[in-house]
Amino acid sequence: FADLFFLYAFLPAFALCYLLASLA
């Protein structure tokens, strides 16, 4: 978790995909 890649790449990518999945 305490990593720049997780904070600024993995987490935003996951949040975007999860938000789109919430439309279903």
mmCIF file of all heavy atoms, coordinates in Angstrom:
data_MODEL
# 
_entry.id   MODEL 
# 
loop_
_atom_site.group_PDB 
_atom_site.id 
_atom_site.type_symbol 
_atom_site.label_atom_id 
_atom_site.label_alt_id 
_atom_site.label_comp_id 
_atom_site.label_asym_id 
_atom_site.label_entity_id 
_atom_site.label_seq_id 
_atom_site.pdbx_PDB_ins_code 
_atom_site.Cartn_x 
_atom_site.Cartn_y 
_atom_site.Cartn_z 
_atom_site.occupancy 
_atom_site.B_iso_or_equiv 
_atom_site.pdbx_formal_charge 
_atom_site.auth_seq_id 
_atom_site.auth_comp_id 
_atom_site.auth_asym_id 
_atom_site.auth_atom_id 
_atom_site.pdbx_PDB_model_num 
ATOM 1   N N   . PHE A 1 1  ? 0.817   -1.210 0.000   1.00 0.00 ? 1  PHE A N   1 
ATOM 2   C CA  . PHE A 1 1  ? 0.000   0.000  0.000   1.00 0.00 ? 1  PHE A CA  1 
ATOM 3   C C   . PHE A 1 1  ? 0.857   1.269  0.000   1.00 0.00 ? 1  PHE A C   1 
ATOM 4   O O   . PHE A 1 1  ? 0.537   2.238  -0.677  1.00 0.00 ? 1  PHE A O   1 
ATOM 5   C CB  . PHE A 1 1  ? -0.912  0.028  1.226   1.00 0.00 ? 1  PHE A CB  1 
ATOM 6   C CG  . PHE A 1 1  ? -1.961  -1.047 1.232   1.00 0.00 ? 1  PHE A CG  1 
ATOM 7   C CD1 . PHE A 1 1  ? -2.537  -1.459 2.425   1.00 0.00 ? 1  PHE A CD1 1 
ATOM 8   C CD2 . PHE A 1 1  ? -2.389  -1.635 0.059   1.00 0.00 ? 1  PHE A CD2 1 
ATOM 9   C CE1 . PHE A 1 1  ? -3.504  -2.440 2.445   1.00 0.00 ? 1  PHE A CE1 1 
ATOM 10  C CE2 . PHE A 1 1  ? -3.363  -2.618 0.060   1.00 0.00 ? 1  PHE A CE2 1 
ATOM 11  C CZ  . PHE A 1 1  ? -3.932  -3.020 1.264   1.00 0.00 ? 1  PHE A CZ  1 
ATOM 12  N N   . ALA A 1 2  ? 1.918   1.265  0.804   1.00 0.00 ? 2  ALA A N   1 
ATOM 13  C CA  . ALA A 1 2  ? 2.753   2.452  0.965   1.00 0.00 ? 2  ALA A CA  1 
ATOM 14  C C   . ALA A 1 2  ? 3.763   2.536  -0.169  1.00 0.00 ? 2  ALA A C   1 
ATOM 15  O O   . ALA A 1 2  ? 4.970   2.441  0.031   1.00 0.00 ? 2  ALA A O   1 
ATOM 16  C CB  . ALA A 1 2  ? 3.453   2.421  2.323   1.00 0.00 ? 2  ALA A CB  1 
ATOM 17  N N   . ASP A 1 3  ? 3.245   2.714  -1.363  1.00 0.00 ? 3  ASP A N   1 
ATOM 18  C CA  . ASP A 1 3  ? 4.088   2.710  -2.559  1.00 0.00 ? 3  ASP A CA  1 
ATOM 19  C C   . ASP A 1 3  ? 3.470   3.663  -3.577  1.00 0.00 ? 3  ASP A C   1 
ATOM 20  O O   . ASP A 1 3  ? 2.236   3.698  -3.746  1.00 0.00 ? 3  ASP A O   1 
ATOM 21  C CB  . ASP A 1 3  ? 4.166   1.286  -3.126  1.00 0.00 ? 3  ASP A CB  1 
ATOM 22  C CG  . ASP A 1 3  ? 5.021   1.213  -4.370  1.00 0.00 ? 3  ASP A CG  1 
ATOM 23  O OD1 . ASP A 1 3  ? 6.250   1.144  -4.231  1.00 0.00 ? 3  ASP A OD1 1 
ATOM 24  O OD2 . ASP A 1 3  ? 4.439   1.239  -5.472  1.00 0.00 ? 3  ASP A OD2 1 
ATOM 25  N N   . LEU A 1 4  ? 4.299   4.447  -4.252  1.00 0.00 ? 4  LEU A N   1 
ATOM 26  C CA  . LEU A 1 4  ? 3.779   5.435  -5.192  1.00 0.00 ? 4  LEU A CA  1 
ATOM 27  C C   . LEU A 1 4  ? 3.034   4.783  -6.351  1.00 0.00 ? 4  LEU A C   1 
ATOM 28  O O   . LEU A 1 4  ? 2.029   5.315  -6.831  1.00 0.00 ? 4  LEU A O   1 
ATOM 29  C CB  . LEU A 1 4  ? 4.937   6.292  -5.721  1.00 0.00 ? 4  LEU A CB  1 
ATOM 30  C CG  . LEU A 1 4  ? 5.586   7.236  -4.699  1.00 0.00 ? 4  LEU A CG  1 
ATOM 31  C CD1 . LEU A 1 4  ? 6.756   7.968  -5.332  1.00 0.00 ? 4  LEU A CD1 1 
ATOM 32  C CD2 . LEU A 1 4  ? 4.567   8.228  -4.158  1.00 0.00 ? 4  LEU A CD2 1 
ATOM 33  N N   . PHE A 1 5  ? 3.515   3.622  -6.808  1.00 0.00 ? 5  PHE A N   1 
ATOM 34  C CA  . PHE A 1 5  ? 2.812   2.937  -7.898  1.00 0.00 ? 5  PHE A CA  1 
ATOM 35  C C   . PHE A 1 5  ? 1.412   2.525  -7.460  1.00 0.00 ? 5  PHE A C   1 
ATOM 36  O O   . PHE A 1 5  ? 0.447   2.669  -8.220  1.00 0.00 ? 5  PHE A O   1 
ATOM 37  C CB  . PHE A 1 5  ? 3.605   1.709  -8.350  1.00 0.00 ? 5  PHE A CB  1 
ATOM 38  C CG  . PHE A 1 5  ? 2.928   0.947  -9.456  1.00 0.00 ? 5  PHE A CG  1 
ATOM 39  C CD1 . PHE A 1 5  ? 3.034   1.366  -10.771 1.00 0.00 ? 5  PHE A CD1 1 
ATOM 40  C CD2 . PHE A 1 5  ? 2.161   -0.179 -9.176  1.00 0.00 ? 5  PHE A CD2 1 
ATOM 41  C CE1 . PHE A 1 5  ? 2.391   0.669  -11.798 1.00 0.00 ? 5  PHE A CE1 1 
ATOM 42  C CE2 . PHE A 1 5  ? 1.517   -0.874 -10.185 1.00 0.00 ? 5  PHE A CE2 1 
ATOM 43  C CZ  . PHE A 1 5  ? 1.635   -0.443 -11.504 1.00 0.00 ? 5  PHE A CZ  1 
ATOM 44  N N   . PHE A 1 6  ? 1.297   2.005  -6.228  1.00 0.00 ? 6  PHE A N   1 
ATOM 45  C CA  . PHE A 1 6  ? -0.022  1.606  -5.737  1.00 0.00 ? 6  PHE A CA  1 
ATOM 46  C C   . PHE A 1 6  ? -0.942  2.819  -5.608  1.00 0.00 ? 6  PHE A C   1 
ATOM 47  O O   . PHE A 1 6  ? -2.099  2.775  -6.019  1.00 0.00 ? 6  PHE A O   1 
ATOM 48  C CB  . PHE A 1 6  ? 0.107   0.923  -4.374  1.00 0.00 ? 6  PHE A CB  1 
ATOM 49  C CG  . PHE A 1 6  ? -1.222  0.577  -3.752  1.00 0.00 ? 6  PHE A CG  1 
ATOM 50  C CD1 . PHE A 1 6  ? -1.901  -0.569 -4.127  1.00 0.00 ? 6  PHE A CD1 1 
ATOM 51  C CD2 . PHE A 1 6  ? -1.814  1.416  -2.809  1.00 0.00 ? 6  PHE A CD2 1 
ATOM 52  C CE1 . PHE A 1 6  ? -3.139  -0.878 -3.578  1.00 0.00 ? 6  PHE A CE1 1 
ATOM 53  C CE2 . PHE A 1 6  ? -3.049  1.115  -2.255  1.00 0.00 ? 6  PHE A CE2 1 
ATOM 54  C CZ  . PHE A 1 6  ? -3.709  -0.040 -2.639  1.00 0.00 ? 6  PHE A CZ  1 
ATOM 55  N N   . LEU A 1 7  ? -0.406  3.910  -5.054  1.00 0.00 ? 7  LEU A N   1 
ATOM 56  C CA  . LEU A 1 7  ? -1.232  5.087  -4.777  1.00 0.00 ? 7  LEU A CA  1 
ATOM 57  C C   . LEU A 1 7  ? -1.678  5.804  -6.045  1.00 0.00 ? 7  LEU A C   1 
ATOM 58  O O   . LEU A 1 7  ? -2.825  6.260  -6.134  1.00 0.00 ? 7  LEU A O   1 
ATOM 59  C CB  . LEU A 1 7  ? -0.459  6.059  -3.881  1.00 0.00 ? 7  LEU A CB  1 
ATOM 60  C CG  . LEU A 1 7  ? -0.171  5.603  -2.456  1.00 0.00 ? 7  LEU A CG  1 
ATOM 61  C CD1 . LEU A 1 7  ? 0.739   6.604  -1.764  1.00 0.00 ? 7  LEU A CD1 1 
ATOM 62  C CD2 . LEU A 1 7  ? -1.456  5.435  -1.667  1.00 0.00 ? 7  LEU A CD2 1 
ATOM 63  N N   . TYR A 1 8  ? -0.774  5.889  -7.028  1.00 0.00 ? 8  TYR A N   1 
ATOM 64  C CA  . TYR A 1 8  ? -1.055  6.747  -8.176  1.00 0.00 ? 8  TYR A CA  1 
ATOM 65  C C   . TYR A 1 8  ? -1.242  5.992  -9.490  1.00 0.00 ? 8  TYR A C   1 
ATOM 66  O O   . TYR A 1 8  ? -1.470  6.618  -10.518 1.00 0.00 ? 8  TYR A O   1 
ATOM 67  C CB  . TYR A 1 8  ? 0.062   7.779  -8.318  1.00 0.00 ? 8  TYR A CB  1 
ATOM 68  C CG  . TYR A 1 8  ? 0.077   8.765  -7.171  1.00 0.00 ? 8  TYR A CG  1 
ATOM 69  C CD1 . TYR A 1 8  ? 1.053   8.686  -6.179  1.00 0.00 ? 8  TYR A CD1 1 
ATOM 70  C CD2 . TYR A 1 8  ? -0.899  9.746  -7.055  1.00 0.00 ? 8  TYR A CD2 1 
ATOM 71  C CE1 . TYR A 1 8  ? 1.064   9.571  -5.111  1.00 0.00 ? 8  TYR A CE1 1 
ATOM 72  C CE2 . TYR A 1 8  ? -0.902  10.644 -6.005  1.00 0.00 ? 8  TYR A CE2 1 
ATOM 73  C CZ  . TYR A 1 8  ? 0.088   10.549 -5.026  1.00 0.00 ? 8  TYR A CZ  1 
ATOM 74  O OH  . TYR A 1 8  ? 0.077   11.431 -3.978  1.00 0.00 ? 8  TYR A OH  1 
ATOM 75  N N   . ALA A 1 9  ? -1.163  4.687  -9.473  1.00 0.00 ? 9  ALA A N   1 
ATOM 76  C CA  . ALA A 1 9  ? -1.405  3.901  -10.689 1.00 0.00 ? 9  ALA A CA  1 
ATOM 77  C C   . ALA A 1 9  ? -2.426  2.788  -10.424 1.00 0.00 ? 9  ALA A C   1 
ATOM 78  O O   . ALA A 1 9  ? -3.506  2.776  -11.024 1.00 0.00 ? 9  ALA A O   1 
ATOM 79  C CB  . ALA A 1 9  ? -0.097  3.311  -11.218 1.00 0.00 ? 9  ALA A CB  1 
ATOM 80  N N   . PHE A 1 10 ? -2.071  1.866  -9.534  1.00 0.00 ? 10 PHE A N   1 
ATOM 81  C CA  . PHE A 1 10 ? -2.961  0.724  -9.291  1.00 0.00 ? 10 PHE A CA  1 
ATOM 82  C C   . PHE A 1 10 ? -4.302  1.170  -8.723  1.00 0.00 ? 10 PHE A C   1 
ATOM 83  O O   . PHE A 1 10 ? -5.366  0.774  -9.229  1.00 0.00 ? 10 PHE A O   1 
ATOM 84  C CB  . PHE A 1 10 ? -2.292  -0.250 -8.323  1.00 0.00 ? 10 PHE A CB  1 
ATOM 85  C CG  . PHE A 1 10 ? -3.137  -1.451 -8.000  1.00 0.00 ? 10 PHE A CG  1 
ATOM 86  C CD1 . PHE A 1 10 ? -3.088  -2.598 -8.785  1.00 0.00 ? 10 PHE A CD1 1 
ATOM 87  C CD2 . PHE A 1 10 ? -3.996  -1.453 -6.898  1.00 0.00 ? 10 PHE A CD2 1 
ATOM 88  C CE1 . PHE A 1 10 ? -3.878  -3.700 -8.500  1.00 0.00 ? 10 PHE A CE1 1 
ATOM 89  C CE2 . PHE A 1 10 ? -4.787  -2.547 -6.599  1.00 0.00 ? 10 PHE A CE2 1 
ATOM 90  C CZ  . PHE A 1 10 ? -4.730  -3.676 -7.411  1.00 0.00 ? 10 PHE A CZ  1 
ATOM 91  N N   . LEU A 1 11 ? -4.279  1.978  -7.667  1.00 0.00 ? 11 LEU A N   1 
ATOM 92  C CA  . LEU A 1 11 ? -5.524  2.369  -6.997  1.00 0.00 ? 11 LEU A CA  1 
ATOM 93  C C   . LEU A 1 11 ? -6.437  3.190  -7.911  1.00 0.00 ? 11 LEU A C   1 
ATOM 94  O O   . LEU A 1 11 ? -7.651  2.911  -7.970  1.00 0.00 ? 11 LEU A O   1 
ATOM 95  C CB  . LEU A 1 11 ? -5.200  3.131  -5.712  1.00 0.00 ? 11 LEU A CB  1 
ATOM 96  C CG  . LEU A 1 11 ? -6.273  3.140  -4.616  1.00 0.00 ? 11 LEU A CG  1 
ATOM 97  C CD1 . LEU A 1 11 ? -6.684  1.714  -4.256  1.00 0.00 ? 11 LEU A CD1 1 
ATOM 98  C CD2 . LEU A 1 11 ? -5.771  3.875  -3.389  1.00 0.00 ? 11 LEU A CD2 1 
ATOM 99  N N   . PRO A 1 12 ? -5.927  4.187  -8.649  1.00 0.00 ? 12 PRO A N   1 
ATOM 100 C CA  . PRO A 1 12 ? -6.817  4.904  -9.580  1.00 0.00 ? 12 PRO A CA  1 
ATOM 101 C C   . PRO A 1 12 ? -7.390  4.003  -10.675 1.00 0.00 ? 12 PRO A C   1 
ATOM 102 O O   . PRO A 1 12 ? -8.567  4.139  -11.034 1.00 0.00 ? 12 PRO A O   1 
ATOM 103 C CB  . PRO A 1 12 ? -5.904  5.984  -10.171 1.00 0.00 ? 12 PRO A CB  1 
ATOM 104 C CG  . PRO A 1 12 ? -4.859  6.208  -9.146  1.00 0.00 ? 12 PRO A CG  1 
ATOM 105 C CD  . PRO A 1 12 ? -4.611  4.845  -8.554  1.00 0.00 ? 12 PRO A CD  1 
ATOM 106 N N   . ALA A 1 13 ? -6.556  3.091  -11.211 1.00 0.00 ? 13 ALA A N   1 
ATOM 107 C CA  . ALA A 1 13 ? -7.044  2.177  -12.250 1.00 0.00 ? 13 ALA A CA  1 
ATOM 108 C C   . ALA A 1 13 ? -8.151  1.285  -11.702 1.00 0.00 ? 13 ALA A C   1 
ATOM 109 O O   . ALA A 1 13 ? -9.183  1.063  -12.359 1.00 0.00 ? 13 ALA A O   1 
ATOM 110 C CB  . ALA A 1 13 ? -5.898  1.336  -12.799 1.00 0.00 ? 13 ALA A CB  1 
ATOM 111 N N   . PHE A 1 14 ? -7.927  0.761  -10.499 1.00 0.00 ? 14 PHE A N   1 
ATOM 112 C CA  . PHE A 1 14 ? -8.957  -0.072 -9.873  1.00 0.00 ? 14 PHE A CA  1 
ATOM 113 C C   . PHE A 1 14 ? -10.221 0.730  -9.617  1.00 0.00 ? 14 PHE A C   1 
ATOM 114 O O   . PHE A 1 14 ? -11.334 0.256  -9.893  1.00 0.00 ? 14 PHE A O   1 
ATOM 115 C CB  . PHE A 1 14 ? -8.429  -0.650 -8.563  1.00 0.00 ? 14 PHE A CB  1 
ATOM 116 C CG  . PHE A 1 14 ? -9.504  -1.241 -7.693  1.00 0.00 ? 14 PHE A CG  1 
ATOM 117 C CD1 . PHE A 1 14 ? -10.135 -2.420 -8.048  1.00 0.00 ? 14 PHE A CD1 1 
ATOM 118 C CD2 . PHE A 1 14 ? -9.919  -0.597 -6.526  1.00 0.00 ? 14 PHE A CD2 1 
ATOM 119 C CE1 . PHE A 1 14 ? -11.148 -2.962 -7.265  1.00 0.00 ? 14 PHE A CE1 1 
ATOM 120 C CE2 . PHE A 1 14 ? -10.929 -1.120 -5.745  1.00 0.00 ? 14 PHE A CE2 1 
ATOM 121 C CZ  . PHE A 1 14 ? -11.547 -2.308 -6.111  1.00 0.00 ? 14 PHE A CZ  1 
ATOM 122 N N   . ALA A 1 15 ? -10.067 1.944  -9.083  1.00 0.00 ? 15 ALA A N   1 
ATOM 123 C CA  . ALA A 1 15 ? -11.232 2.776  -8.760  1.00 0.00 ? 15 ALA A CA  1 
ATOM 124 C C   . ALA A 1 15 ? -12.057 3.069  -10.011 1.00 0.00 ? 15 ALA A C   1 
ATOM 125 O O   . ALA A 1 15 ? -13.297 3.035  -9.978  1.00 0.00 ? 15 ALA A O   1 
ATOM 126 C CB  . ALA A 1 15 ? -10.777 4.076  -8.098  1.00 0.00 ? 15 ALA A CB  1 
ATOM 127 N N   . LEU A 1 16 ? -11.385 3.351  -11.127 1.00 0.00 ? 16 LEU A N   1 
ATOM 128 C CA  . LEU A 1 16 ? -12.095 3.639  -12.375 1.00 0.00 ? 16 LEU A CA  1 
ATOM 129 C C   . LEU A 1 16 ? -12.871 2.413  -12.857 1.00 0.00 ? 16 LEU A C   1 
ATOM 130 O O   . LEU A 1 16 ? -14.058 2.517  -13.200 1.00 0.00 ? 16 LEU A O   1 
ATOM 131 C CB  . LEU A 1 16 ? -11.094 4.082  -13.440 1.00 0.00 ? 16 LEU A CB  1 
ATOM 132 C CG  . LEU A 1 16 ? -11.678 4.352  -14.835 1.00 0.00 ? 16 LEU A CG  1 
ATOM 133 C CD1 . LEU A 1 16 ? -12.707 5.473  -14.777 1.00 0.00 ? 16 LEU A CD1 1 
ATOM 134 C CD2 . LEU A 1 16 ? -10.564 4.699  -15.823 1.00 0.00 ? 16 LEU A CD2 1 
ATOM 135 N N   . CYS A 1 17 ? -12.218 1.259  -12.880 1.00 0.00 ? 17 CYS A N   1 
ATOM 136 C CA  . CYS A 1 17 ? -12.890 0.030  -13.328 1.00 0.00 ? 17 CYS A CA  1 
ATOM 137 C C   . CYS A 1 17 ? -14.029 -0.355 -12.389 1.00 0.00 ? 17 CYS A C   1 
ATOM 138 O O   . CYS A 1 17 ? -15.107 -0.787 -12.836 1.00 0.00 ? 17 CYS A O   1 
ATOM 139 C CB  . CYS A 1 17 ? -11.885 -1.115 -13.434 1.00 0.00 ? 17 CYS A CB  1 
ATOM 140 S SG  . CYS A 1 17 ? -10.644 -0.887 -14.728 1.00 0.00 ? 17 CYS A SG  1 
ATOM 141 N N   . TYR A 1 18 ? -13.814 -0.178 -11.101 1.00 0.00 ? 18 TYR A N   1 
ATOM 142 C CA  . TYR A 1 18 ? -14.845 -0.528 -10.120 1.00 0.00 ? 18 TYR A CA  1 
ATOM 143 C C   . TYR A 1 18 ? -16.041 0.418  -10.253 1.00 0.00 ? 18 TYR A C   1 
ATOM 144 O O   . TYR A 1 18 ? -17.192 -0.005 -10.124 1.00 0.00 ? 18 TYR A O   1 
ATOM 145 C CB  . TYR A 1 18 ? -14.251 -0.451 -8.715  1.00 0.00 ? 18 TYR A CB  1 
ATOM 146 C CG  . TYR A 1 18 ? -15.090 -1.098 -7.649  1.00 0.00 ? 18 TYR A CG  1 
ATOM 147 C CD1 . TYR A 1 18 ? -15.058 -2.480 -7.438  1.00 0.00 ? 18 TYR A CD1 1 
ATOM 148 C CD2 . TYR A 1 18 ? -15.918 -0.341 -6.821  1.00 0.00 ? 18 TYR A CD2 1 
ATOM 149 C CE1 . TYR A 1 18 ? -15.817 -3.077 -6.459  1.00 0.00 ? 18 TYR A CE1 1 
ATOM 150 C CE2 . TYR A 1 18 ? -16.687 -0.933 -5.836  1.00 0.00 ? 18 TYR A CE2 1 
ATOM 151 C CZ  . TYR A 1 18 ? -16.629 -2.300 -5.652  1.00 0.00 ? 18 TYR A CZ  1 
ATOM 152 O OH  . TYR A 1 18 ? -17.399 -2.889 -4.667  1.00 0.00 ? 18 TYR A OH  1 
ATOM 153 N N   . LEU A 1 19 ? -15.747 1.698  -10.515 1.00 0.00 ? 19 LEU A N   1 
ATOM 154 C CA  . LEU A 1 19 ? -16.825 2.674  -10.688 1.00 0.00 ? 19 LEU A CA  1 
ATOM 155 C C   . LEU A 1 19 ? -17.644 2.345  -11.928 1.00 0.00 ? 19 LEU A C   1 
ATOM 156 O O   . LEU A 1 19 ? -18.890 2.414  -11.905 1.00 0.00 ? 19 LEU A O   1 
ATOM 157 C CB  . LEU A 1 19 ? -16.226 4.075  -10.807 1.00 0.00 ? 19 LEU A CB  1 
ATOM 158 C CG  . LEU A 1 19 ? -17.230 5.233  -10.874 1.00 0.00 ? 19 LEU A CG  1 
ATOM 159 C CD1 . LEU A 1 19 ? -18.063 5.302  -9.602  1.00 0.00 ? 19 LEU A CD1 1 
ATOM 160 C CD2 . LEU A 1 19 ? -16.498 6.556  -11.092 1.00 0.00 ? 19 LEU A CD2 1 
ATOM 161 N N   . LEU A 1 20 ? -16.976 1.966  -13.013 1.00 0.00 ? 20 LEU A N   1 
ATOM 162 C CA  . LEU A 1 20 ? -17.701 1.574  -14.219 1.00 0.00 ? 20 LEU A CA  1 
ATOM 163 C C   . LEU A 1 20 ? -18.525 0.311  -13.978 1.00 0.00 ? 20 LEU A C   1 
ATOM 164 O O   . LEU A 1 20 ? -19.651 0.186  -14.473 1.00 0.00 ? 20 LEU A O   1 
ATOM 165 C CB  . LEU A 1 20 ? -16.714 1.344  -15.367 1.00 0.00 ? 20 LEU A CB  1 
ATOM 166 C CG  . LEU A 1 20 ? -15.987 2.598  -15.893 1.00 0.00 ? 20 LEU A CG  1 
ATOM 167 C CD1 . LEU A 1 20 ? -14.945 2.206  -16.929 1.00 0.00 ? 20 LEU A CD1 1 
ATOM 168 C CD2 . LEU A 1 20 ? -16.988 3.588  -16.478 1.00 0.00 ? 20 LEU A CD2 1 
ATOM 169 N N   . ALA A 1 21 ? -17.967 -0.624 -13.191 1.00 0.00 ? 21 ALA A N   1 
ATOM 170 C CA  . ALA A 1 21 ? -18.699 -1.854 -12.878 1.00 0.00 ? 21 ALA A CA  1 
ATOM 171 C C   . ALA A 1 21 ? -19.932 -1.565 -12.031 1.00 0.00 ? 21 ALA A C   1 
ATOM 172 O O   . ALA A 1 21 ? -20.905 -2.336 -12.053 1.00 0.00 ? 21 ALA A O   1 
ATOM 173 C CB  . ALA A 1 21 ? -17.781 -2.832 -12.148 1.00 0.00 ? 21 ALA A CB  1 
ATOM 174 N N   . SER A 1 22 ? -19.902 -0.467 -11.287 1.00 0.00 ? 22 SER A N   1 
ATOM 175 C CA  . SER A 1 22 ? -21.040 -0.108 -10.435 1.00 0.00 ? 22 SER A CA  1 
ATOM 176 C C   . SER A 1 22 ? -22.261 0.276  -11.249 1.00 0.00 ? 22 SER A C   1 
ATOM 177 O O   . SER A 1 22 ? -23.382 0.328  -10.719 1.00 0.00 ? 22 SER A O   1 
ATOM 178 C CB  . SER A 1 22 ? -20.655 1.053  -9.509  1.00 0.00 ? 22 SER A CB  1 
ATOM 179 O OG  . SER A 1 22 ? -19.579 0.695  -8.681  1.00 0.00 ? 22 SER A OG  1 
ATOM 180 N N   . LEU A 1 23 ? -22.060 0.568  -12.540 1.00 0.00 ? 23 LEU A N   1 
ATOM 181 C CA  . LEU A 1 23 ? -23.189 0.911  -13.396 1.00 0.00 ? 23 LEU A CA  1 
ATOM 182 C C   . LEU A 1 23 ? -24.069 -0.305 -13.664 1.00 0.00 ? 23 LEU A C   1 
ATOM 183 O O   . LEU A 1 23 ? -25.255 -0.163 -13.987 1.00 0.00 ? 23 LEU A O   1 
ATOM 184 C CB  . LEU A 1 23 ? -22.688 1.489  -14.720 1.00 0.00 ? 23 LEU A CB  1 
ATOM 185 C CG  . LEU A 1 23 ? -21.848 2.779  -14.605 1.00 0.00 ? 23 LEU A CG  1 
ATOM 186 C CD1 . LEU A 1 23 ? -21.340 3.197  -15.981 1.00 0.00 ? 23 LEU A CD1 1 
ATOM 187 C CD2 . LEU A 1 23 ? -22.663 3.896  -13.959 1.00 0.00 ? 23 LEU A CD2 1 
ATOM 188 N N   . ALA A 1 24 ? -23.477 -1.502 -13.551 1.00 0.00 ? 24 ALA A N   1 
ATOM 189 C CA  . ALA A 1 24 ? -24.253 -2.726 -13.733 1.00 0.00 ? 24 ALA A CA  1 
ATOM 190 C C   . ALA A 1 24 ? -25.079 -3.009 -12.475 1.00 0.00 ? 24 ALA A C   1 
ATOM 191 O O   . ALA A 1 24 ? -24.686 -2.652 -11.357 1.00 0.00 ? 24 ALA A O   1 
ATOM 192 C CB  . ALA A 1 24 ? -23.332 -3.899 -14.027 1.00 0.00 ? 24 ALA A CB  1 
# 
